[in-house]
Amino acid sequence: MKKSELIFEIITSVIVALIFIVAFVLNRSAIGSIGTIIIVLLDGINIIRVILKYRSSKKSGQ
């Protein structure tokens, strides 16, 4: 995995998280807020997964 791919993944994940946080602020329903929290958590897990994948590929010399 290249550094540019890592940066692209992180930027897109942050943008998705920001979109859902704004939707959470604008939407006051309980279902919408729970869904937003779940999606932001999954997005955070995805960022961690991408960083770990980048670090492991860096160690193996790819």
C-alpha atoms as a PDB file:
ATOM      1  CA  MET A   1       0.000   0.000   0.000  1.00  0.00           C
ATOM      2  CA  LYS A   2       1.404   3.352  -1.021  1.00  0.00           C
ATOM      3  CA  LYS A   3       1.406   6.413   1.185  1.00  0.00           C
ATOM      4  CA  SER A   4      -0.906   8.201  -1.258  1.00  0.00           C
ATOM      5  CA  GLU A   5      -3.438   5.358  -0.935  1.00  0.00           C
ATOM      6  CA  LEU A   6      -3.260   5.666   2.846  1.00  0.00           C
ATOM      7  CA  ILE A   7      -3.851   9.420   2.713  1.00  0.00           C
ATOM      8  CA  PHE A   8      -6.764   8.958   0.282  1.00  0.00           C
ATOM      9  CA  GLU A   9      -8.391   6.339   2.534  1.00  0.00           C
ATOM     10  CA  ILE A  10      -8.036   8.520   5.623  1.00  0.00           C
ATOM     11  CA  ILE A  11      -9.374  11.641   3.893  1.00  0.00           C
ATOM     12  CA  THR A  12     -12.414   9.829   2.493  1.00  0.00           C
ATOM     13  CA  SER A  13     -13.132   8.222   5.868  1.00  0.00           C
ATOM     14  CA  VAL A  14     -12.922  11.578   7.633  1.00  0.00           C
ATOM     15  CA  ILE A  15     -15.231  13.175   5.046  1.00  0.00           C
ATOM     16  CA  VAL A  16     -17.793  10.390   5.487  1.00  0.00           C
ATOM     17  CA  ALA A  17     -17.598  10.753   9.268  1.00  0.00           C
ATOM     18  CA  LEU A  18     -18.081  14.529   9.035  1.00  0.00           C
ATOM     19  CA  ILE A  19     -21.098  14.112   6.753  1.00  0.00           C
ATOM     20  CA  PHE A  20     -22.747  11.752   9.215  1.00  0.00           C
ATOM     21  CA  ILE A  21     -21.885  13.978  12.195  1.00  0.00           C
ATOM     22  CA  VAL A  22     -23.568  16.921  10.440  1.00  0.00           C
ATOM     23  CA  ALA A  23     -26.563  14.697   9.690  1.00  0.00           C
ATOM     24  CA  PHE A  24     -26.611  13.714  13.374  1.00  0.00           C
ATOM     25  CA  VAL A  25     -26.689  17.372  14.429  1.00  0.00           C
ATOM     26  CA  LEU A  26     -29.458  18.210  11.957  1.00  0.00           C
ATOM     27  CA  ASN A  27     -31.510  15.069  12.611  1.00  0.00           C
ATOM     28  CA  ARG A  28     -33.107  14.822  16.050  1.00  0.00           C
ATOM     29  CA  SER A  29     -34.738  11.389  15.696  1.00  0.00           C
ATOM     30  CA  ALA A  30     -33.472   8.524  17.859  1.00  0.00           C
ATOM     31  CA  ILE A  31     -33.050   6.047  14.988  1.00  0.00           C
ATOM     32  CA  GLY A  32     -31.044   8.562  12.962  1.00  0.00           C
ATOM     33  CA  SER A  33     -28.769   9.393  15.864  1.00  0.00           C
ATOM     34  CA  ILE A  34     -28.095   5.737  16.726  1.00  0.00           C
ATOM     35  CA  GLY A  35     -27.378   4.968  13.072  1.00  0.00           C
ATOM     36  CA  THR A  36     -25.028   7.931  12.845  1.00  0.00           C
ATOM     37  CA  ILE A  37     -23.092   6.845  15.936  1.00  0.00           C
ATOM     38  CA  ILE A  38     -22.745   3.303  14.558  1.00  0.00           C
ATOM     39  CA  ILE A  39     -21.539   4.542  11.161  1.00  0.00           C
ATOM     40  CA  VAL A  40     -18.985   6.922  12.716  1.00  0.00           C
ATOM     41  CA  LEU A  41     -17.667   4.090  14.916  1.00  0.00           C
ATOM     42  CA  LEU A  42     -17.395   1.766  11.913  1.00  0.00           C
ATOM     43  CA  ASP A  43     -15.613   4.524  10.004  1.00  0.00           C
ATOM     44  CA  GLY A  44     -13.139   4.902  12.869  1.00  0.00           C
ATOM     45  CA  ILE A  45     -12.516   1.157  12.851  1.00  0.00           C
ATOM     46  CA  ASN A  46     -11.941   1.355   9.088  1.00  0.00           C
ATOM     47  CA  ILE A  47      -9.331   4.107   9.555  1.00  0.00           C
ATOM     48  CA  ILE A  48      -7.506   1.977  12.147  1.00  0.00           C
ATOM     49  CA  ARG A  49      -7.643  -1.050   9.811  1.00  0.00           C
ATOM     50  CA  VAL A  50      -6.184   0.953   6.925  1.00  0.00           C
ATOM     51  CA  ILE A  51      -3.360   2.326   9.089  1.00  0.00           C
ATOM     52  CA  LEU A  52      -2.499  -1.156  10.374  1.00  0.00           C
ATOM     53  CA  LYS A  53      -2.559  -2.507   6.807  1.00  0.00           C
ATOM     54  CA  TYR A  54      -0.208   0.297   5.744  1.00  0.00           C
ATOM     55  CA  ARG A  55       2.178  -0.397   8.624  1.00  0.00           C
ATOM     56  CA  SER A  56       2.267  -4.144   7.934  1.00  0.00           C
ATOM     57  CA  SER A  57       2.906  -3.600   4.216  1.00  0.00           C
ATOM     58  CA  LYS A  58       5.637  -1.105   5.107  1.00  0.00           C
ATOM     59  CA  LYS A  59       7.327  -3.670   7.377  1.00  0.00           C
ATOM     60  CA  SER A  60       7.222  -6.357   4.702  1.00  0.00           C
ATOM     61  CA  GLY A  61       8.864  -3.955   2.250  1.00  0.00           C
ATOM     62  CA  GLN A  62       6.119  -3.631  -0.333  1.00  0.00           C
END
